[in-house]
């Protein structure tokens, strides 16, 4: 499980740049509704974690409007790997024998 936004507004779940496996979790803290956007392997996993944490204060979870593949979410541009050059040998090459 990965928390994307903690204690955020529910409007943040409308962002289409989120992964499609992200869910908006609603729970109550001291009587006030609170929202998290989390990403996990399954909806059951997320429910279990939040139910264990908040018990009866858990209101529900709803899938976000995300359209991005989870493996591409939050990846920066990976710089290309440089090829290593072979260093010249320290010993001079041998001369051919006659």
PDB file of N, CA and C in Angstrom:
ATOM      1  N   UNK A   1       0.847  -1.176   0.000  1.00  0.00           N
ATOM      2  CA  UNK A   1       0.000   0.000   0.000  1.00  0.00           C
ATOM      3  C   UNK A   1       0.888   1.233   0.000  1.00  0.00           C
ATOM      4  N   UNK A   2       0.475   2.229  -0.782  1.00  0.00           N
ATOM      5  CA  UNK A   2       1.213   3.484  -0.866  1.00  0.00           C
ATOM      6  C   UNK A   2       0.227   4.626  -0.703  1.00  0.00           C
ATOM      7  N   UNK A   3       0.501   5.514   0.241  1.00  0.00           N
ATOM      8  CA  UNK A   3      -0.353   6.685   0.451  1.00  0.00           C
ATOM      9  C   UNK A   3       0.094   7.778  -0.513  1.00  0.00           C
ATOM     10  N   UNK A   4      -0.818   8.215  -1.362  1.00  0.00           N
ATOM     11  CA  UNK A   4      -0.510   9.254  -2.341  1.00  0.00           C
ATOM     12  C   UNK A   4      -0.771  10.635  -1.742  1.00  0.00           C
ATOM     13  N   UNK A   5      -1.972  10.830  -1.167  1.00  0.00           N
ATOM     14  CA  UNK A   5      -2.330  12.081  -0.483  1.00  0.00           C
ATOM     15  C   UNK A   5      -2.973  11.709   0.845  1.00  0.00           C
ATOM     16  N   UNK A   6      -2.514  12.333   1.898  1.00  0.00           N
ATOM     17  CA  UNK A   6      -3.075  12.071   3.216  1.00  0.00           C
ATOM     18  C   UNK A   6      -3.806  13.319   3.698  1.00  0.00           C
ATOM     19  N   UNK A   7      -4.982  13.125   4.250  1.00  0.00           N
ATOM     20  CA  UNK A   7      -5.822  14.221   4.762  1.00  0.00           C
ATOM     21  C   UNK A   7      -6.004  15.297   3.690  1.00  0.00           C
ATOM     22  N   UNK A   8      -6.540  14.886   2.565  1.00  0.00           N
ATOM     23  CA  UNK A   8      -6.733  15.799   1.445  1.00  0.00           C
ATOM     24  C   UNK A   8      -8.217  16.056   1.218  1.00  0.00           C
ATOM     25  N   UNK A   9      -8.507  16.910   0.272  1.00  0.00           N
ATOM     26  CA  UNK A   9      -9.881  17.193  -0.124  1.00  0.00           C
ATOM     27  C   UNK A   9     -10.356  16.098  -1.083  1.00  0.00           C
ATOM     28  N   UNK A  10     -11.655  15.779  -1.071  1.00  0.00           N
ATOM     29  CA  UNK A  10     -12.146  14.748  -1.997  1.00  0.00           C
ATOM     30  C   UNK A  10     -12.043  15.167  -3.462  1.00  0.00           C
ATOM     31  N   UNK A  11     -11.910  16.445  -3.712  1.00  0.00           N
ATOM     32  CA  UNK A  11     -11.763  16.957  -5.076  1.00  0.00           C
ATOM     33  C   UNK A  11     -10.464  16.449  -5.715  1.00  0.00           C
ATOM     34  N   UNK A  12      -9.459  16.122  -4.889  1.00  0.00           N
ATOM     35  CA  UNK A  12      -8.176  15.633  -5.405  1.00  0.00           C
ATOM     36  C   UNK A  12      -8.317  14.284  -6.099  1.00  0.00           C
ATOM     37  N   UNK A  13      -9.374  13.539  -5.817  1.00  0.00           N
ATOM     38  CA  UNK A  13      -9.587  12.220  -6.429  1.00  0.00           C
ATOM     39  C   UNK A  13     -10.053  12.339  -7.877  1.00  0.00           C
ATOM     40  N   UNK A  14     -10.384  13.527  -8.323  1.00  0.00           N
ATOM     41  CA  UNK A  14     -10.836  13.724  -9.700  1.00  0.00           C
ATOM     42  C   UNK A  14      -9.678  13.895 -10.681  1.00  0.00           C
ATOM     43  N   UNK A  15      -8.471  13.879 -10.178  1.00  0.00           N
ATOM     44  CA  UNK A  15      -7.281  14.033 -11.008  1.00  0.00           C
ATOM     45  C   UNK A  15      -7.087  12.772 -11.857  1.00  0.00           C
ATOM     46  N   UNK A  16      -7.026  12.929 -13.169  1.00  0.00           N
ATOM     47  CA  UNK A  16      -6.885  11.775 -14.068  1.00  0.00           C
ATOM     48  C   UNK A  16      -5.444  11.307 -14.194  1.00  0.00           C
ATOM     49  N   UNK A  17      -4.513  12.022 -13.585  1.00  0.00           N
ATOM     50  CA  UNK A  17      -3.111  11.608 -13.613  1.00  0.00           C
ATOM     51  C   UNK A  17      -2.787  10.597 -12.516  1.00  0.00           C
ATOM     52  N   UNK A  18      -3.756  10.245 -11.710  1.00  0.00           N
ATOM     53  CA  UNK A  18      -3.564   9.229 -10.675  1.00  0.00           C
ATOM     54  C   UNK A  18      -3.614   7.846 -11.319  1.00  0.00           C
ATOM     55  N   UNK A  19      -3.045   6.840 -10.664  1.00  0.00           N
ATOM     56  CA  UNK A  19      -3.154   5.476 -11.207  1.00  0.00           C
ATOM     57  C   UNK A  19      -4.579   4.955 -11.058  1.00  0.00           C
ATOM     58  N   UNK A  20      -4.962   4.033 -11.920  1.00  0.00           N
ATOM     59  CA  UNK A  20      -6.328   3.517 -11.860  1.00  0.00           C
ATOM     60  C   UNK A  20      -6.544   2.574 -10.673  1.00  0.00           C
ATOM     61  N   UNK A  21      -5.495   2.246  -9.946  1.00  0.00           N
ATOM     62  CA  UNK A  21      -5.632   1.423  -8.743  1.00  0.00           C
ATOM     63  C   UNK A  21      -5.699   2.273  -7.475  1.00  0.00           C
ATOM     64  N   UNK A  22      -5.864   3.583  -7.620  1.00  0.00           N
ATOM     65  CA  UNK A  22      -5.934   4.482  -6.464  1.00  0.00           C
ATOM     66  C   UNK A  22      -7.377   4.594  -5.977  1.00  0.00           C
ATOM     67  N   UNK A  23      -7.542   4.680  -4.658  1.00  0.00           N
ATOM     68  CA  UNK A  23      -8.863   4.778  -4.043  1.00  0.00           C
ATOM     69  C   UNK A  23      -8.907   5.953  -3.077  1.00  0.00           C
ATOM     70  N   UNK A  24     -10.080   6.569  -2.997  1.00  0.00           N
ATOM     71  CA  UNK A  24     -10.341   7.628  -2.034  1.00  0.00           C
ATOM     72  C   UNK A  24     -10.961   6.968  -0.811  1.00  0.00           C
ATOM     73  N   UNK A  25     -10.273   7.040   0.313  1.00  0.00           N
ATOM     74  CA  UNK A  25     -10.733   6.431   1.563  1.00  0.00           C
ATOM     75  C   UNK A  25     -11.343   7.534   2.424  1.00  0.00           C
ATOM     76  N   UNK A  26     -12.562   7.312   2.907  1.00  0.00           N
ATOM     77  CA  UNK A  26     -13.211   8.276   3.787  1.00  0.00           C
ATOM     78  C   UNK A  26     -13.348   7.657   5.170  1.00  0.00           C
ATOM     79  N   UNK A  27     -12.910   8.406   6.179  1.00  0.00           N
ATOM     80  CA  UNK A  27     -13.029   7.968   7.570  1.00  0.00           C
ATOM     81  C   UNK A  27     -13.209   9.195   8.448  1.00  0.00           C
ATOM     82  N   UNK A  28     -13.673   8.968   9.665  1.00  0.00           N
ATOM     83  CA  UNK A  28     -13.926  10.068  10.598  1.00  0.00           C
ATOM     84  C   UNK A  28     -12.822  10.125  11.641  1.00  0.00           C
ATOM     85  N   UNK A  29     -12.358  11.350  11.902  1.00  0.00           N
ATOM     86  CA  UNK A  29     -11.394  11.600  12.971  1.00  0.00           C
ATOM     87  C   UNK A  29     -12.013  12.673  13.854  1.00  0.00           C
ATOM     88  N   UNK A  30     -12.340  12.306  15.063  1.00  0.00           N
ATOM     89  CA  UNK A  30     -12.979  13.211  16.024  1.00  0.00           C
ATOM     90  C   UNK A  30     -14.269  13.793  15.455  1.00  0.00           C
ATOM     91  N   UNK A  31     -15.017  12.988  14.727  1.00  0.00           N
ATOM     92  CA  UNK A  31     -16.301  13.410  14.180  1.00  0.00           C
ATOM     93  C   UNK A  31     -16.229  14.156  12.858  1.00  0.00           C
ATOM     94  N   UNK A  32     -15.027  14.464  12.370  1.00  0.00           N
ATOM     95  CA  UNK A  32     -14.870  15.174  11.104  1.00  0.00           C
ATOM     96  C   UNK A  32     -14.490  14.188  10.001  1.00  0.00           C
ATOM     97  N   UNK A  33     -15.116  14.305   8.833  1.00  0.00           N
ATOM     98  CA  UNK A  33     -14.729  13.422   7.725  1.00  0.00           C
ATOM     99  C   UNK A  33     -13.335  13.775   7.211  1.00  0.00           C
ATOM    100  N   UNK A  34     -12.523  12.756   7.017  1.00  0.00           N
ATOM    101  CA  UNK A  34     -11.153  12.918   6.551  1.00  0.00           C
ATOM    102  C   UNK A  34     -10.957  11.996   5.351  1.00  0.00           C
ATOM    103  N   UNK A  35     -10.122  12.405   4.413  1.00  0.00           N
ATOM    104  CA  UNK A  35      -9.941  11.650   3.173  1.00  0.00           C
ATOM    105  C   UNK A  35      -8.468  11.385   2.915  1.00  0.00           C
ATOM    106  N   UNK A  36      -8.174  10.190   2.429  1.00  0.00           N
ATOM    107  CA  UNK A  36      -6.841   9.815   1.964  1.00  0.00           C
ATOM    108  C   UNK A  36      -6.983   9.239   0.561  1.00  0.00           C
ATOM    109  N   UNK A  37      -5.962   9.449  -0.248  1.00  0.00           N
ATOM    110  CA  UNK A  37      -5.891   8.777  -1.547  1.00  0.00           C
ATOM    111  C   UNK A  37      -4.731   7.801  -1.446  1.00  0.00           C
ATOM    112  N   UNK A  38      -5.057   6.521  -1.605  1.00  0.00           N
ATOM    113  CA  UNK A  38      -4.055   5.471  -1.474  1.00  0.00           C
ATOM    114  C   UNK A  38      -4.088   4.547  -2.682  1.00  0.00           C
ATOM    115  N   UNK A  39      -2.976   3.864  -2.880  1.00  0.00           N
ATOM    116  CA  UNK A  39      -2.848   2.934  -3.990  1.00  0.00           C
ATOM    117  C   UNK A  39      -2.392   1.604  -3.406  1.00  0.00           C
ATOM    118  N   UNK A  40      -3.035   0.536  -3.818  1.00  0.00           N
ATOM    119  CA  UNK A  40      -2.668  -0.773  -3.302  1.00  0.00           C
ATOM    120  C   UNK A  40      -2.878  -1.852  -4.335  1.00  0.00           C
ATOM    121  N   UNK A  41      -2.546  -3.084  -3.952  1.00  0.00           N
ATOM    122  CA  UNK A  41      -2.698  -4.202  -4.872  1.00  0.00           C
ATOM    123  C   UNK A  41      -4.160  -4.553  -5.092  1.00  0.00           C
ATOM    124  N   UNK A  42      -4.977  -4.435  -4.037  1.00  0.00           N
ATOM    125  CA  UNK A  42      -6.394  -4.767  -4.180  1.00  0.00           C
ATOM    126  C   UNK A  42      -7.223  -3.905  -3.228  1.00  0.00           C
ATOM    127  N   UNK A  43      -8.492  -3.817  -3.537  1.00  0.00           N
ATOM    128  CA  UNK A  43      -9.411  -3.043  -2.711  1.00  0.00           C
ATOM    129  C   UNK A  43      -9.570  -3.706  -1.340  1.00  0.00           C
ATOM    130  N   UNK A  44      -9.523  -5.009  -1.308  1.00  0.00           N
ATOM    131  CA  UNK A  44      -9.657  -5.748  -0.045  1.00  0.00           C
ATOM    132  C   UNK A  44      -8.491  -5.426   0.879  1.00  0.00           C
ATOM    133  N   UNK A  45      -7.281  -5.356   0.331  1.00  0.00           N
ATOM    134  CA  UNK A  45      -6.105  -5.030   1.133  1.00  0.00           C
ATOM    135  C   UNK A  45      -6.263  -3.651   1.782  1.00  0.00           C
ATOM    136  N   UNK A  46      -6.706  -2.675   0.991  1.00  0.00           N
ATOM    137  CA  UNK A  46      -6.879  -1.317   1.513  1.00  0.00           C
ATOM    138  C   UNK A  46      -7.954  -1.278   2.595  1.00  0.00           C
ATOM    139  N   UNK A  47      -9.058  -1.978   2.343  1.00  0.00           N
ATOM    140  CA  UNK A  47     -10.130  -2.017   3.339  1.00  0.00           C
ATOM    141  C   UNK A  47      -9.626  -2.621   4.637  1.00  0.00           C
ATOM    142  N   UNK A  48      -8.910  -3.730   4.555  1.00  0.00           N
ATOM    143  CA  UNK A  48      -8.409  -4.392   5.761  1.00  0.00           C
ATOM    144  C   UNK A  48      -7.492  -3.486   6.573  1.00  0.00           C
ATOM    145  N   UNK A  49      -6.597  -2.783   5.904  1.00  0.00           N
ATOM    146  CA  UNK A  49      -5.655  -1.912   6.599  1.00  0.00           C
ATOM    147  C   UNK A  49      -6.381  -0.759   7.286  1.00  0.00           C
ATOM    148  N   UNK A  50      -7.291  -0.119   6.563  1.00  0.00           N
ATOM    149  CA  UNK A  50      -8.001   1.017   7.164  1.00  0.00           C
ATOM    150  C   UNK A  50      -9.023   0.568   8.202  1.00  0.00           C
ATOM    151  N   UNK A  51      -9.611  -0.598   8.037  1.00  0.00           N
ATOM    152  CA  UNK A  51     -10.558  -1.080   9.053  1.00  0.00           C
ATOM    153  C   UNK A  51      -9.814  -1.407  10.342  1.00  0.00           C
ATOM    154  N   UNK A  52      -8.651  -2.015  10.228  1.00  0.00           N
ATOM    155  CA  UNK A  52      -7.850  -2.305  11.423  1.00  0.00           C
ATOM    156  C   UNK A  52      -7.423  -1.031  12.128  1.00  0.00           C
ATOM    157  N   UNK A  53      -7.208   0.018  11.360  1.00  0.00           N
ATOM    158  CA  UNK A  53      -6.724   1.280  11.923  1.00  0.00           C
ATOM    159  C   UNK A  53      -7.856   2.121  12.530  1.00  0.00           C
ATOM    160  N   UNK A  54      -9.023   2.182  11.859  1.00  0.00           N
ATOM    161  CA  UNK A  54     -10.086   3.100  12.281  1.00  0.00           C
ATOM    162  C   UNK A  54     -11.365   2.415  12.755  1.00  0.00           C
ATOM    163  N   UNK A  55     -11.483   1.115  12.597  1.00  0.00           N
ATOM    164  CA  UNK A  55     -12.650   0.327  13.017  1.00  0.00           C
ATOM    165  C   UNK A  55     -13.962   0.933  12.532  1.00  0.00           C
ATOM    166  N   UNK A  56     -14.800   1.362  13.436  1.00  0.00           N
ATOM    167  CA  UNK A  56     -16.147   1.836  13.093  1.00  0.00           C
ATOM    168  C   UNK A  56     -16.154   3.248  12.497  1.00  0.00           C
ATOM    169  N   UNK A  57     -15.006   3.942  12.527  1.00  0.00           N
ATOM    170  CA  UNK A  57     -14.944   5.287  11.943  1.00  0.00           C
ATOM    171  C   UNK A  57     -14.702   5.257  10.439  1.00  0.00           C
ATOM    172  N   UNK A  58     -14.451   4.077   9.890  1.00  0.00           N
ATOM    173  CA  UNK A  58     -14.270   3.956   8.441  1.00  0.00           C
ATOM    174  C   UNK A  58     -15.625   4.086   7.765  1.00  0.00           C
ATOM    175  N   UNK A  59     -15.742   5.047   6.843  1.00  0.00           N
ATOM    176  CA  UNK A  59     -17.007   5.291   6.156  1.00  0.00           C
ATOM    177  C   UNK A  59     -17.068   4.502   4.856  1.00  0.00           C
ATOM    178  N   UNK A  60     -16.008   4.540   4.055  1.00  0.00           N
ATOM    179  CA  UNK A  60     -16.018   3.799   2.801  1.00  0.00           C
ATOM    180  C   UNK A  60     -14.839   4.140   1.926  1.00  0.00           C
ATOM    181  N   UNK A  61     -14.778   3.467   0.791  1.00  0.00           N
ATOM    182  CA  UNK A  61     -13.754   3.763  -0.179  1.00  0.00           C
ATOM    183  C   UNK A  61     -14.342   3.744  -1.575  1.00  0.00           C
ATOM    184  N   UNK A  62     -13.763   4.589  -2.417  1.00  0.00           N
ATOM    185  CA  UNK A  62     -14.280   4.770  -3.764  1.00  0.00           C
ATOM    186  C   UNK A  62     -13.100   4.926  -4.708  1.00  0.00           C
ATOM    187  N   UNK A  63     -13.198   4.333  -5.884  1.00  0.00           N
ATOM    188  CA  UNK A  63     -12.114   4.430  -6.850  1.00  0.00           C
ATOM    189  C   UNK A  63     -12.019   5.856  -7.381  1.00  0.00           C
ATOM    190  N   UNK A  64     -10.783   6.322  -7.581  1.00  0.00           N
ATOM    191  CA  UNK A  64     -10.564   7.676  -8.094  1.00  0.00           C
ATOM    192  C   UNK A  64     -10.780   7.697  -9.606  1.00  0.00           C
ATOM    193  N   UNK A  65     -10.641   8.872 -10.185  1.00  0.00           N
ATOM    194  CA  UNK A  65     -10.803   9.041 -11.626  1.00  0.00           C
ATOM    195  C   UNK A  65      -9.496   8.786 -12.384  1.00  0.00           C
ATOM    196  N   UNK A  66      -8.521   8.192 -11.722  1.00  0.00           N
ATOM    197  CA  UNK A  66      -7.207   7.966 -12.328  1.00  0.00           C
ATOM    198  C   UNK A  66      -7.267   7.101 -13.569  1.00  0.00           C
ATOM    199  N   UNK A  67      -6.413   7.420 -14.528  1.00  0.00           N
ATOM    200  CA  UNK A  67      -6.371   6.683 -15.788  1.00  0.00           C
ATOM    201  C   UNK A  67      -4.974   6.121 -16.094  1.00  0.00           C
ATOM    202  N   UNK A  68      -3.992   6.453 -15.270  1.00  0.00           N
ATOM    203  CA  UNK A  68      -2.621   6.068 -15.552  1.00  0.00           C
ATOM    204  C   UNK A  68      -2.324   4.646 -15.071  1.00  0.00           C
ATOM    205  N   UNK A  69      -1.461   3.956 -15.803  1.00  0.00           N
ATOM    206  CA  UNK A  69      -1.050   2.624 -15.378  1.00  0.00           C
ATOM    207  C   UNK A  69      -0.222   2.752 -14.109  1.00  0.00           C
ATOM    208  N   UNK A  70      -0.435   1.868 -13.137  1.00  0.00           N
ATOM    209  CA  UNK A  70       0.272   1.987 -11.854  1.00  0.00           C
ATOM    210  C   UNK A  70       1.792   1.908 -11.970  1.00  0.00           C
ATOM    211  N   UNK A  71       2.302   1.113 -12.894  1.00  0.00           N
ATOM    212  CA  UNK A  71       3.754   1.001 -12.992  1.00  0.00           C
ATOM    213  C   UNK A  71       4.404   2.241 -13.598  1.00  0.00           C
ATOM    214  N   UNK A  72       3.626   3.109 -14.224  1.00  0.00           N
ATOM    215  CA  UNK A  72       4.166   4.338 -14.793  1.00  0.00           C
ATOM    216  C   UNK A  72       3.926   5.553 -13.906  1.00  0.00           C
ATOM    217  N   UNK A  73       3.193   5.367 -12.812  1.00  0.00           N
ATOM    218  CA  UNK A  73       2.867   6.493 -11.945  1.00  0.00           C
ATOM    219  C   UNK A  73       4.102   6.935 -11.166  1.00  0.00           C
ATOM    220  N   UNK A  74       4.346   8.216 -11.176  1.00  0.00           N
ATOM    221  CA  UNK A  74       5.405   8.858 -10.399  1.00  0.00           C
ATOM    222  C   UNK A  74       6.805   8.410 -10.778  1.00  0.00           C
ATOM    223  N   UNK A  75       7.022   8.071 -12.024  1.00  0.00           N
ATOM    224  CA  UNK A  75       8.363   7.745 -12.461  1.00  0.00           C
ATOM    225  C   UNK A  75       8.956   8.954 -13.147  1.00  0.00           C
ATOM    226  N   UNK A  76      10.121   9.325 -12.728  1.00  0.00           N
ATOM    227  CA  UNK A  76      10.807  10.430 -13.376  1.00  0.00           C
ATOM    228  C   UNK A  76      11.501   9.925 -14.625  1.00  0.00           C
ATOM    229  N   UNK A  77      12.042  10.837 -15.384  1.00  0.00           N
ATOM    230  CA  UNK A  77      12.774  10.448 -16.580  1.00  0.00           C
ATOM    231  C   UNK A  77      14.067   9.763 -16.159  1.00  0.00           C
ATOM    232  N   UNK A  78      14.264   8.565 -16.628  1.00  0.00           N
ATOM    233  CA  UNK A  78      15.457   7.803 -16.283  1.00  0.00           C
ATOM    234  C   UNK A  78      16.553   8.178 -17.273  1.00  0.00           C
ATOM    235  N   UNK A  79      17.681   8.690 -16.771  1.00  0.00           N
ATOM    236  CA  UNK A  79      18.745   9.069 -17.704  1.00  0.00           C
ATOM    237  C   UNK A  79      19.337   7.816 -18.355  1.00  0.00           C
ATOM    238  N   UNK A  80      19.737   7.916 -19.605  1.00  0.00           N
ATOM    239  CA  UNK A  80      20.307   6.744 -20.259  1.00  0.00           C
ATOM    240  C   UNK A  80      21.641   6.371 -19.616  1.00  0.00           C
ATOM    241  N   UNK A  81      21.922   5.076 -19.575  1.00  0.00           N
ATOM    242  CA  UNK A  81      23.176   4.620 -18.986  1.00  0.00           C
ATOM    243  C   UNK A  81      24.318   4.891 -19.952  1.00  0.00           C
ATOM    244  N   UNK A  82      25.415   5.345 -19.409  1.00  0.00           N
ATOM    245  CA  UNK A  82      26.590   5.619 -20.233  1.00  0.00           C
ATOM    246  C   UNK A  82      27.364   4.318 -20.450  1.00  0.00           C
ATOM    247  N   UNK A  83      27.896   4.203 -21.630  1.00  0.00           N
ATOM    248  CA  UNK A  83      28.722   3.039 -21.919  1.00  0.00           C
ATOM    249  C   UNK A  83      30.108   3.274 -21.335  1.00  0.00           C
ATOM    250  N   UNK A  84      30.643   2.238 -20.734  1.00  0.00           N
ATOM    251  CA  UNK A  84      31.969   2.351 -20.152  1.00  0.00           C
ATOM    252  C   UNK A  84      33.009   2.123 -21.241  1.00  0.00           C
ATOM    253  N   UNK A  85      33.996   2.972 -21.228  1.00  0.00           N
ATOM    254  CA  UNK A  85      35.088   2.821 -22.188  1.00  0.00           C
ATOM    255  C   UNK A  85      36.137   1.880 -21.618  1.00  0.00           C
ATOM    256  N   UNK A  86      36.733   1.154 -22.484  1.00  0.00           N
ATOM    257  CA  UNK A  86      37.835   0.305 -22.047  1.00  0.00           C
ATOM    258  C   UNK A  86      39.067   1.173 -21.890  1.00  0.00           C
ATOM    259  N   UNK A  87      39.736   0.982 -20.786  1.00  0.00           N
ATOM    260  CA  UNK A  87      40.959   1.736 -20.540  1.00  0.00           C
ATOM    261  C   UNK A  87      42.101   1.078 -21.310  1.00  0.00           C
ATOM    262  N   UNK A  88      43.002   1.887 -21.830  1.00  0.00           N
ATOM    263  CA  UNK A  88      44.138   1.273 -22.512  1.00  0.00           C
ATOM    264  C   UNK A  88      44.997   0.524 -21.503  1.00  0.00           C
ATOM    265  N   UNK A  89      45.576  -0.565 -21.953  1.00  0.00           N
ATOM    266  CA  UNK A  89      46.376  -1.371 -21.034  1.00  0.00           C
ATOM    267  C   UNK A  89      47.652  -0.631 -20.678  1.00  0.00           C
ATOM    268  N   UNK A  90      48.174  -0.903 -19.502  1.00  0.00           N
ATOM    269  CA  UNK A  90      49.360  -0.216 -19.015  1.00  0.00           C
ATOM    270  C   UNK A  90      50.631  -0.759 -19.662  1.00  0.00           C
ATOM    271  N   UNK A  91      50.616  -2.013 -20.108  1.00  0.00           N
ATOM    272  CA  UNK A  91      51.817  -2.591 -20.727  1.00  0.00           C
ATOM    273  C   UNK A  91      51.776  -2.360 -22.233  1.00  0.00           C
ATOM    274  N   UNK A  92      52.908  -2.080 -22.828  1.00  0.00           N
ATOM    275  CA  UNK A  92      52.926  -1.869 -24.279  1.00  0.00           C
ATOM    276  C   UNK A  92      52.652  -3.204 -24.994  1.00  0.00           C
ATOM    277  N   UNK A  93      52.111  -3.140 -26.191  1.00  0.00           N
ATOM    278  CA  UNK A  93      51.844  -4.387 -26.919  1.00  0.00           C
ATOM    279  C   UNK A  93      53.142  -5.107 -27.258  1.00  0.00           C
ATOM    280  N   UNK A  94      53.076  -6.413 -27.310  1.00  0.00           N
ATOM    281  CA  UNK A  94      54.268  -7.204 -27.628  1.00  0.00           C
ATOM    282  C   UNK A  94      54.579  -7.099 -29.128  1.00  0.00           C
ATOM    283  N   UNK A  95      55.881  -7.139 -29.439  1.00  0.00           N
ATOM    284  CA  UNK A  95      56.309  -7.091 -30.829  1.00  0.00           C
ATOM    285  C   UNK A  95      56.264  -8.500 -31.389  1.00  0.00           C
ATOM    286  N   UNK A  96      55.878  -8.628 -32.660  1.00  0.00           N
ATOM    287  CA  UNK A  96      55.843  -9.974 -33.245  1.00  0.00           C
ATOM    288  C   UNK A  96      57.252 -10.562 -33.359  1.00  0.00           C
ATOM    289  N   UNK A  97      57.385 -11.854 -33.133  1.00  0.00           N
ATOM    290  CA  UNK A  97      58.675 -12.539 -33.231  1.00  0.00           C
ATOM    291  C   UNK A  97      58.876 -13.095 -34.630  1.00  0.00           C
ATOM    292  N   UNK A  98      60.120 -13.063 -35.091  1.00  0.00           N
ATOM    293  CA  UNK A  98      60.438 -13.587 -36.421  1.00  0.00           C
ATOM    294  C   UNK A  98      60.927 -14.984 -36.359  1.00  0.00           C
TER     295      UNK A  98
END
